[in-house]
Amino acid sequence: MTHQPQKSLIELGMFTGIPQHENFSRLKEMLPTVKMTAAKEPFVFPRGREARLPETYEFEGTTRSSEEFFTETDTAALLVLKDGVVRLERYALTGGPATQWISMSVAKSFVSALVGIAVAEGHIRGIEDAISDYIDVESGSAYDGVRIKDVLQMSSGARWNEDYTDSTSDIHRLAAAMTGTMTLDQFVAGMVRENEPGTVCRYNSGDTQALGALLVHATGRSIADYMQEKLYEPLGMEDAGYWLVDGVGMELAYAGLNLTARDYAKFGELYRNGGAWRGRRLVPESWVKASVRSDAAHLAPGRTVLADHTLPLGYGYQWWLPDGDVGEFSAIGVYNQFVYVDPSHGVVIVKQSANRNWGTTMDEATNREIETVAFLRAIARRID
């Protein structure tokens, strides 16, 4: 672990409209981290015929310019795989092939995969177990007696406000745990229940931090150490990766992963192939299938809640599910971080971004997440 002055992501002026691409490309130099080393046998994707970005895409009944969207959302990297072959790779701003870019909530989907592996290995008996059987929580608090499955599906019932425009919201208080006011585990242990578990899908970064604690307690290893063995080495990650950590070395499970675009793409390709990688099973196929579907009404598109509004996206085990019938799914993080997977078209797309308007309001007009899905869909469906 590096020893640096404790800061939080919020202290970088996030959600204020300040450009962030300089920060997002070098957080490993600015904040405390733990390192995952490049794989002993790095895997390099084969390259195919260079594809072009579609000139336009459709959104809300209008035809829009792909180039303008690329620029307006401060895109630092756009990497497109078709059937496991690189067809488009483009960098801008401070992005680049060897740049470790912050995941934001894309990290949540990695944590889900690690939970699935831990279940398969017997470290966790099953997701019907209460998460409080494994982690320390206060009696009667949000996670006391709550099924691991409900936490995976952002349906824990915990009281939560993920409003990035509100400096007093829960997401800001969770981020402040990095400054040493408390540990991430202490924050999770004292959270308050609001709803009956398994009834409301309320997007809650605290749920993922609880899953991070689950991994550490169940495996007896740090998240970075477990990920190094179970995903980083077997996927042949080409470059070092970094997890942001709090003052006692606990990973920021909900947002703190830093990888290159090519290494994020390997994770998307793993899930496109149902958890198998080059003939080796890394994540149980049944786990992948369950992770990328909504299996209850409250998880359906139009029912998921973020701050004070609902989203036209469904939810699985820490994966977002765009509305439609082609089986797409995506890891999504603030500022327009995406690992988008469309198995029906054989496509994985990584978009690393620093959309400076993100979080200045909680509206689609500034955050452009649903529009990003439309943009990525256009790429996936037009690449031959």
Protein backbone atom coordinates (compact mmCIF):
# COMPACT_ATOMS: atom_id res chain seq x y z
CA MET A 1 0.00 0.00 0.00
CA THR A 2 1.26 3.45 -0.84
CA HIS A 3 1.38 5.95 2.02
CA GLN A 4 0.02 9.30 0.91
CA PRO A 5 -2.11 12.03 2.48
CA GLN A 6 -5.67 10.84 2.83
CA LYS A 7 -8.09 12.43 0.38
CA SER A 8 -11.40 11.44 -1.14
CA LEU A 9 -12.57 11.54 -4.74
CA ILE A 10 -14.96 14.31 -3.76
CA GLU A 11 -12.03 16.58 -2.85
CA LEU A 12 -10.98 16.57 -6.51
CA GLY A 13 -13.90 18.87 -7.28
CA MET A 14 -16.05 16.15 -8.76
CA PHE A 15 -19.63 16.93 -9.77
CA THR A 16 -18.89 20.65 -10.05
CA GLY A 17 -18.26 20.90 -13.81
CA ILE A 18 -14.48 21.05 -13.41
CA PRO A 19 -12.70 18.99 -16.13
CA GLN A 20 -11.47 15.74 -14.61
CA HIS A 21 -9.52 13.91 -17.32
CA GLU A 22 -6.16 14.88 -15.82
CA ASN A 23 -7.23 13.42 -12.47
CA PHE A 24 -8.93 10.27 -13.73
CA SER A 25 -5.79 9.15 -15.56
CA ARG A 26 -3.48 9.35 -12.54
CA LEU A 27 -5.42 8.63 -9.36
CA LYS A 28 -2.88 5.95 -8.47
CA GLU A 29 -0.42 8.81 -7.97
CA MET A 30 -2.82 10.99 -5.99
CA LEU A 31 -4.64 8.65 -3.60
CA PRO A 32 -3.75 5.61 -1.45
CA THR A 33 -3.81 2.37 -3.45
CA VAL A 34 -2.95 -1.30 -3.46
CA LYS A 35 -1.43 -2.74 -6.63
CA MET A 36 -2.19 -5.79 -8.74
CA THR A 37 0.72 -6.80 -10.94
CA ALA A 38 0.48 -7.52 -14.66
CA ALA A 39 -0.07 -11.18 -15.47
CA LYS A 40 2.96 -13.39 -15.91
CA GLU A 41 1.59 -14.31 -19.34
CA PRO A 42 -0.18 -11.21 -20.69
CA PHE A 43 -2.88 -11.76 -23.29
CA VAL A 44 -3.04 -9.39 -26.25
CA PHE A 45 -6.26 -9.25 -28.26
CA PRO A 46 -5.81 -9.95 -31.98
CA ARG A 47 -6.50 -7.01 -34.28
CA GLY A 48 -8.82 -7.08 -37.25
CA ARG A 49 -9.85 -4.71 -39.99
CA GLU A 50 -10.17 -1.20 -38.59
CA ALA A 51 -13.80 -0.15 -38.19
CA ARG A 52 -15.07 3.39 -38.28
CA LEU A 53 -17.25 5.09 -35.74
CA PRO A 54 -20.81 5.37 -37.13
CA GLU A 55 -21.40 8.92 -38.29
CA THR A 56 -24.70 9.14 -36.39
CA TYR A 57 -26.88 7.42 -33.81
CA GLU A 58 -30.52 7.83 -32.82
CA PHE A 59 -31.66 9.09 -29.43
CA GLU A 60 -35.03 10.44 -28.28
CA GLY A 61 -36.28 10.67 -31.83
CA THR A 62 -33.34 12.69 -33.13
CA THR A 63 -30.26 11.88 -35.20
CA ARG A 64 -27.07 12.88 -33.44
CA SER A 65 -23.39 13.10 -34.36
CA SER A 66 -21.14 10.37 -32.98
CA GLU A 67 -18.07 12.59 -33.19
CA GLU A 68 -19.79 15.36 -31.26
CA PHE A 69 -20.86 12.89 -28.58
CA PHE A 70 -17.32 11.47 -28.34
CA THR A 71 -15.98 14.98 -27.74
CA GLU A 72 -18.77 16.41 -25.58
CA THR A 73 -18.56 13.53 -23.09
CA ASP A 74 -14.78 13.96 -22.73
CA THR A 75 -14.07 10.47 -24.03
CA ALA A 76 -10.54 9.31 -23.20
CA ALA A 77 -10.77 5.78 -24.62
CA LEU A 78 -13.13 3.86 -26.88
CA LEU A 79 -12.28 0.22 -27.50
CA VAL A 80 -14.53 -2.09 -29.55
CA LEU A 81 -14.18 -5.87 -29.73
CA LYS A 82 -16.10 -7.96 -32.25
CA ASP A 83 -15.91 -11.71 -31.61
CA GLY A 84 -12.84 -11.13 -29.46
CA VAL A 85 -10.98 -9.11 -32.09
CA VAL A 86 -10.10 -5.41 -31.73
CA ARG A 87 -11.93 -3.50 -34.45
CA LEU A 88 -11.70 0.03 -33.10
CA GLU A 89 -9.33 1.53 -30.54
CA ARG A 90 -9.19 5.26 -30.08
CA TYR A 91 -7.72 7.47 -27.37
CA ALA A 92 -8.03 11.18 -26.58
CA LEU A 93 -7.29 13.67 -23.80
CA THR A 94 -5.15 11.86 -21.21
CA GLY A 95 -6.23 8.38 -22.24
CA GLY A 96 -3.86 5.85 -23.79
CA PRO A 97 -3.15 2.12 -24.08
CA ALA A 98 -1.12 2.07 -20.84
CA THR A 99 -3.28 4.52 -18.87
CA GLN A 100 -5.00 3.13 -15.76
CA TRP A 101 -8.34 4.91 -15.71
CA ILE A 102 -10.70 5.05 -12.73
CA SER A 103 -13.59 2.59 -12.94
CA MET A 104 -16.07 4.42 -10.78
CA SER A 105 -19.01 2.00 -10.41
CA VAL A 106 -17.77 -0.34 -13.13
CA ALA A 107 -15.89 -1.83 -10.15
CA LYS A 108 -19.21 -3.12 -8.82
CA SER A 109 -19.46 -5.72 -11.57
CA PHE A 110 -15.95 -7.00 -10.80
CA VAL A 111 -16.93 -7.38 -7.14
CA SER A 112 -20.00 -9.37 -8.21
CA ALA A 113 -17.82 -11.74 -10.24
CA LEU A 114 -15.53 -12.27 -7.26
CA VAL A 115 -18.52 -13.04 -5.02
CA GLY A 116 -19.65 -15.64 -7.55
CA ILE A 117 -16.20 -17.24 -7.53
CA ALA A 118 -16.13 -17.23 -3.73
CA VAL A 119 -19.50 -19.00 -3.66
CA ALA A 120 -18.25 -21.62 -6.14
CA GLU A 121 -15.15 -22.20 -4.00
CA GLY A 122 -17.19 -22.64 -0.82
CA HIS A 123 -15.96 -19.53 0.97
CA ILE A 124 -19.59 -18.34 0.94
CA ARG A 125 -22.20 -21.06 1.50
CA GLY A 126 -24.77 -19.41 -0.77
CA ILE A 127 -26.44 -16.11 -1.52
CA GLU A 128 -29.54 -17.02 0.49
CA ASP A 129 -27.32 -16.63 3.56
CA ALA A 130 -27.54 -13.41 5.52
CA ILE A 131 -24.60 -11.13 4.81
CA SER A 132 -24.42 -10.49 8.56
CA ASP A 133 -23.37 -14.13 8.99
CA TYR A 134 -20.05 -13.05 7.48
CA ILE A 135 -19.51 -9.35 8.27
CA ASP A 136 -19.77 -7.31 11.47
CA VAL A 137 -22.85 -5.06 11.58
CA GLU A 138 -24.70 -3.32 14.37
CA SER A 139 -27.77 -5.13 15.67
CA GLY A 140 -30.89 -3.96 13.83
CA SER A 141 -28.89 -2.01 11.24
CA ALA A 142 -29.37 -2.11 7.48
CA TYR A 143 -27.55 -5.38 6.75
CA ASP A 144 -28.52 -7.32 9.86
CA GLY A 145 -30.19 -10.53 8.60
CA VAL A 146 -30.36 -9.41 4.94
CA ARG A 147 -29.77 -11.98 2.19
CA ILE A 148 -26.58 -11.65 0.17
CA LYS A 149 -28.78 -11.90 -2.94
CA ASP A 150 -30.71 -8.78 -1.97
CA VAL A 151 -27.46 -6.88 -1.49
CA LEU A 152 -26.21 -8.08 -4.90
CA GLN A 153 -29.42 -6.77 -6.47
CA MET A 154 -29.27 -3.35 -4.80
CA SER A 155 -32.38 -4.36 -2.89
CA SER A 156 -31.03 -4.50 0.66
CA GLY A 157 -33.61 -2.04 1.97
CA ALA A 158 -30.89 0.23 3.34
CA ARG A 159 -31.68 3.93 3.54
CA TRP A 160 -29.58 5.65 0.93
CA ASN A 161 -29.24 8.83 -1.09
CA GLU A 162 -26.94 8.59 -4.14
CA ASP A 163 -27.50 12.25 -5.13
CA TYR A 164 -24.14 13.54 -6.36
CA THR A 165 -25.34 17.16 -6.31
CA ASP A 166 -26.02 17.02 -2.55
CA SER A 167 -22.84 17.37 -0.48
CA THR A 168 -24.62 15.86 2.54
CA SER A 169 -25.83 12.73 0.68
CA ASP A 170 -24.82 9.22 1.65
CA ILE A 171 -22.54 8.78 -1.37
CA HIS A 172 -20.54 11.84 -0.33
CA ARG A 173 -20.33 10.59 3.25
CA LEU A 174 -19.15 7.17 2.06
CA ALA A 175 -16.44 8.78 -0.09
CA ALA A 176 -15.37 10.86 2.92
CA ALA A 177 -14.47 7.64 4.75
CA MET A 178 -11.22 7.73 2.77
CA THR A 179 -10.18 10.85 4.68
CA GLY A 180 -9.95 8.89 7.92
CA THR A 181 -13.18 10.09 9.54
CA MET A 182 -14.07 6.39 9.81
CA THR A 183 -13.25 3.19 7.96
CA LEU A 184 -15.37 1.86 5.11
CA ASP A 185 -16.29 -1.17 7.23
CA GLN A 186 -17.45 1.06 10.08
CA PHE A 187 -19.62 3.04 7.69
CA VAL A 188 -21.29 -0.10 6.37
CA ALA A 189 -21.80 -1.57 9.85
CA GLY A 190 -23.90 1.38 10.99
CA MET A 191 -26.15 1.96 7.98
CA VAL A 192 -29.90 2.26 8.61
CA ARG A 193 -32.76 0.20 7.16
CA GLU A 194 -35.58 1.93 5.31
CA ASN A 195 -37.44 -0.70 3.23
CA GLU A 196 -38.19 -4.38 3.49
CA PRO A 197 -35.27 -6.18 1.81
CA GLY A 198 -36.02 -7.59 -1.63
CA THR A 199 -38.79 -5.12 -2.48
CA VAL A 200 -37.15 -1.95 -3.85
CA CYS A 201 -34.11 -1.71 -6.14
CA ARG A 202 -32.48 1.47 -4.87
CA TYR A 203 -29.04 2.11 -6.31
CA ASN A 204 -26.75 2.12 -3.30
CA SER A 205 -22.96 2.14 -3.35
CA GLY A 206 -23.05 1.07 0.30
CA ASP A 207 -24.44 -2.30 -0.84
CA THR A 208 -21.33 -2.92 -2.93
CA GLN A 209 -19.04 -1.85 -0.10
CA ALA A 210 -20.84 -4.43 2.06
CA LEU A 211 -20.12 -7.04 -0.63
CA GLY A 212 -16.47 -6.02 -0.52
CA ALA A 213 -16.45 -6.63 3.22
CA LEU A 214 -18.13 -9.98 2.58
CA LEU A 215 -15.31 -11.01 0.23
CA VAL A 216 -12.61 -10.04 2.68
CA HIS A 217 -14.22 -11.79 5.65
CA ALA A 218 -15.23 -14.92 3.72
CA THR A 219 -11.93 -15.50 1.90
CA GLY A 220 -9.57 -14.14 4.54
CA ARG A 221 -7.85 -12.15 1.78
CA SER A 222 -7.94 -8.62 0.47
CA ILE A 223 -10.04 -7.92 -2.63
CA ALA A 224 -6.90 -7.08 -4.61
CA ASP A 225 -5.16 -10.30 -3.59
CA TYR A 226 -8.17 -12.48 -4.39
CA MET A 227 -8.72 -10.69 -7.71
CA GLN A 228 -5.04 -11.07 -8.63
CA GLU A 229 -5.38 -14.86 -8.46
CA LYS A 230 -8.92 -15.38 -9.70
CA LEU A 231 -9.19 -12.80 -12.49
CA TYR A 232 -6.02 -10.80 -13.04
CA GLU A 233 -3.64 -13.67 -13.77
CA PRO A 234 -5.96 -15.94 -15.72
CA LEU A 235 -7.29 -13.09 -17.89
CA GLY A 236 -3.73 -12.15 -18.82
CA MET A 237 -4.01 -8.53 -17.74
CA GLU A 238 -1.33 -6.60 -19.62
CA ASP A 239 -0.70 -3.78 -17.16
CA ALA A 240 -0.70 -3.25 -13.42
CA GLY A 241 -4.02 -2.43 -11.81
CA TYR A 242 -4.79 -0.44 -8.68
CA TRP A 243 -7.53 -0.32 -6.07
CA LEU A 244 -8.09 2.86 -4.08
CA VAL A 245 -8.16 2.09 -0.35
CA ASP A 246 -9.14 3.70 2.92
CA GLY A 247 -6.78 4.44 5.80
CA VAL A 248 -6.65 0.81 6.95
CA GLY A 249 -6.17 -0.67 3.49
CA MET A 250 -9.76 -1.68 2.68
CA GLU A 251 -10.52 -1.37 -1.02
CA LEU A 252 -13.08 1.13 -2.27
CA ALA A 253 -15.14 -1.77 -3.61
CA TYR A 254 -17.89 0.37 -5.08
CA ALA A 255 -15.72 2.60 -7.28
CA GLY A 256 -11.97 2.34 -6.76
CA LEU A 257 -10.56 0.11 -9.52
CA ASN A 258 -8.01 1.55 -11.97
CA LEU A 259 -7.26 -0.41 -15.17
CA THR A 260 -6.40 0.17 -18.81
CA ALA A 261 -9.13 0.04 -21.45
CA ARG A 262 -7.68 -3.20 -22.84
CA ASP A 263 -7.81 -4.88 -19.44
CA TYR A 264 -11.38 -3.71 -18.77
CA ALA A 265 -12.25 -5.22 -22.16
CA LYS A 266 -10.97 -8.63 -21.03
CA PHE A 267 -13.53 -8.62 -18.23
CA GLY A 268 -16.32 -7.76 -20.67
CA GLU A 269 -15.17 -10.53 -23.01
CA LEU A 270 -15.15 -12.99 -20.11
CA TYR A 271 -18.82 -12.24 -19.46
CA ARG A 272 -19.70 -12.24 -23.17
CA ASN A 273 -18.47 -15.83 -23.15
CA GLY A 274 -20.49 -16.79 -20.10
CA GLY A 275 -17.59 -16.78 -17.64
CA ALA A 276 -15.18 -18.85 -19.76
CA TRP A 277 -11.83 -17.55 -20.96
CA ARG A 278 -9.75 -19.30 -23.61
CA GLY A 279 -11.06 -22.71 -22.67
CA ARG A 280 -10.90 -22.19 -18.90
CA ARG A 281 -13.88 -21.63 -16.61
CA LEU A 282 -13.25 -18.58 -14.37
CA VAL A 283 -16.77 -17.64 -13.28
CA PRO A 284 -19.58 -20.22 -13.05
CA GLU A 285 -21.85 -20.03 -16.10
CA SER A 286 -24.92 -20.16 -13.86
CA TRP A 287 -23.61 -17.13 -11.95
CA VAL A 288 -23.08 -15.12 -15.12
CA LYS A 289 -26.58 -15.95 -16.38
CA ALA A 290 -28.18 -15.01 -13.07
CA SER A 291 -26.09 -11.83 -12.88
CA VAL A 292 -27.35 -10.36 -16.13
CA ARG A 293 -31.10 -10.80 -15.79
CA SER A 294 -33.82 -9.24 -13.68
CA ASP A 295 -35.58 -12.03 -11.82
CA ALA A 296 -38.17 -9.95 -9.95
CA ALA A 297 -40.59 -7.16 -10.83
CA HIS A 298 -38.81 -4.53 -8.74
CA LEU A 299 -35.63 -5.08 -10.79
CA ALA A 300 -37.24 -4.39 -14.17
CA PRO A 301 -36.46 -1.33 -16.35
CA GLY A 302 -38.44 1.65 -15.09
CA ARG A 303 -38.51 0.32 -11.52
CA THR A 304 -34.88 0.86 -10.46
CA VAL A 305 -34.37 3.96 -8.31
CA LEU A 306 -31.40 6.34 -8.38
CA ALA A 307 -31.63 9.23 -5.90
CA ASP A 308 -35.12 10.67 -6.53
CA HIS A 309 -35.96 9.16 -9.94
CA THR A 310 -36.34 5.85 -11.73
CA LEU A 311 -34.22 4.63 -14.62
CA PRO A 312 -35.14 2.84 -17.88
CA LEU A 313 -32.61 0.15 -16.97
CA GLY A 314 -33.06 -3.16 -15.20
CA TYR A 315 -30.68 -4.59 -12.63
CA GLY A 316 -29.02 -7.93 -11.96
CA TYR A 317 -26.12 -8.82 -9.69
CA GLN A 318 -24.31 -5.46 -9.89
CA TRP A 319 -24.89 -5.22 -13.67
CA TRP A 320 -27.20 -2.80 -15.48
CA LEU A 321 -29.63 -4.21 -18.05
CA PRO A 322 -30.72 -1.90 -20.88
CA ASP A 323 -34.36 -2.15 -21.86
CA GLY A 324 -34.79 -4.42 -24.87
CA ASP A 325 -34.80 -8.03 -25.94
CA VAL A 326 -31.28 -8.71 -27.24
CA GLY A 327 -29.65 -9.57 -23.91
CA GLU A 328 -27.31 -6.59 -23.51
CA PHE A 329 -25.79 -5.77 -20.16
CA SER A 330 -23.33 -3.18 -18.93
CA ALA A 331 -21.14 -2.14 -16.07
CA ILE A 332 -21.66 1.61 -15.69
CA GLY A 333 -19.86 4.25 -13.65
CA VAL A 334 -20.28 7.97 -13.13
CA TYR A 335 -18.78 10.31 -15.71
CA ASN A 336 -19.78 7.76 -18.40
CA GLN A 337 -17.53 4.79 -17.67
CA PHE A 338 -18.87 1.74 -19.52
CA VAL A 339 -18.05 -1.90 -20.12
CA TYR A 340 -20.94 -2.70 -22.46
CA VAL A 341 -21.62 -6.25 -23.65
CA ASP A 342 -23.95 -7.31 -26.48
CA PRO A 343 -23.61 -11.09 -26.88
CA SER A 344 -26.15 -11.15 -29.73
CA HIS A 345 -23.75 -9.13 -31.87
CA GLY A 346 -20.54 -10.55 -30.39
CA VAL A 347 -19.53 -7.10 -29.19
CA VAL A 348 -17.78 -5.68 -26.11
CA ILE A 349 -17.20 -1.93 -25.86
CA VAL A 350 -15.18 -0.01 -23.26
CA LYS A 351 -15.78 3.72 -22.95
CA GLN A 352 -13.61 5.67 -20.53
CA SER A 353 -14.81 9.20 -20.03
CA ALA A 354 -14.62 12.35 -17.94
CA ASN A 355 -17.92 13.97 -18.93
CA ARG A 356 -17.42 17.23 -17.06
CA ASN A 357 -21.14 17.92 -16.83
CA TRP A 358 -21.86 14.62 -15.04
CA GLY A 359 -23.40 15.16 -11.63
CA THR A 360 -23.88 18.91 -12.01
CA THR A 361 -27.53 17.84 -12.07
CA MET A 362 -29.11 14.42 -11.70
CA ASP A 363 -30.72 14.74 -15.13
CA GLU A 364 -30.08 12.75 -18.29
CA ALA A 365 -29.42 16.03 -20.12
CA THR A 366 -26.10 16.41 -18.27
CA ASN A 367 -25.29 12.82 -17.31
CA ARG A 368 -26.09 11.26 -20.72
CA GLU A 369 -25.98 7.67 -19.51
CA ILE A 370 -29.04 6.44 -21.43
CA GLU A 371 -27.75 8.34 -24.45
CA THR A 372 -24.43 6.51 -24.08
CA VAL A 373 -26.30 3.22 -24.31
CA ALA A 374 -27.87 4.42 -27.57
CA PHE A 375 -24.44 5.45 -28.86
CA LEU A 376 -22.88 2.09 -27.96
CA ARG A 377 -25.82 0.20 -29.44
CA ALA A 378 -25.28 1.99 -32.73
CA ILE A 379 -21.67 0.88 -32.78
CA ALA A 380 -22.52 -2.71 -31.85
CA ARG A 381 -25.23 -3.06 -34.50
CA ARG A 382 -23.35 -1.43 -37.36
CA ILE A 383 -19.99 -3.13 -37.04
CA ASP A 384 -19.70 -5.96 -39.57
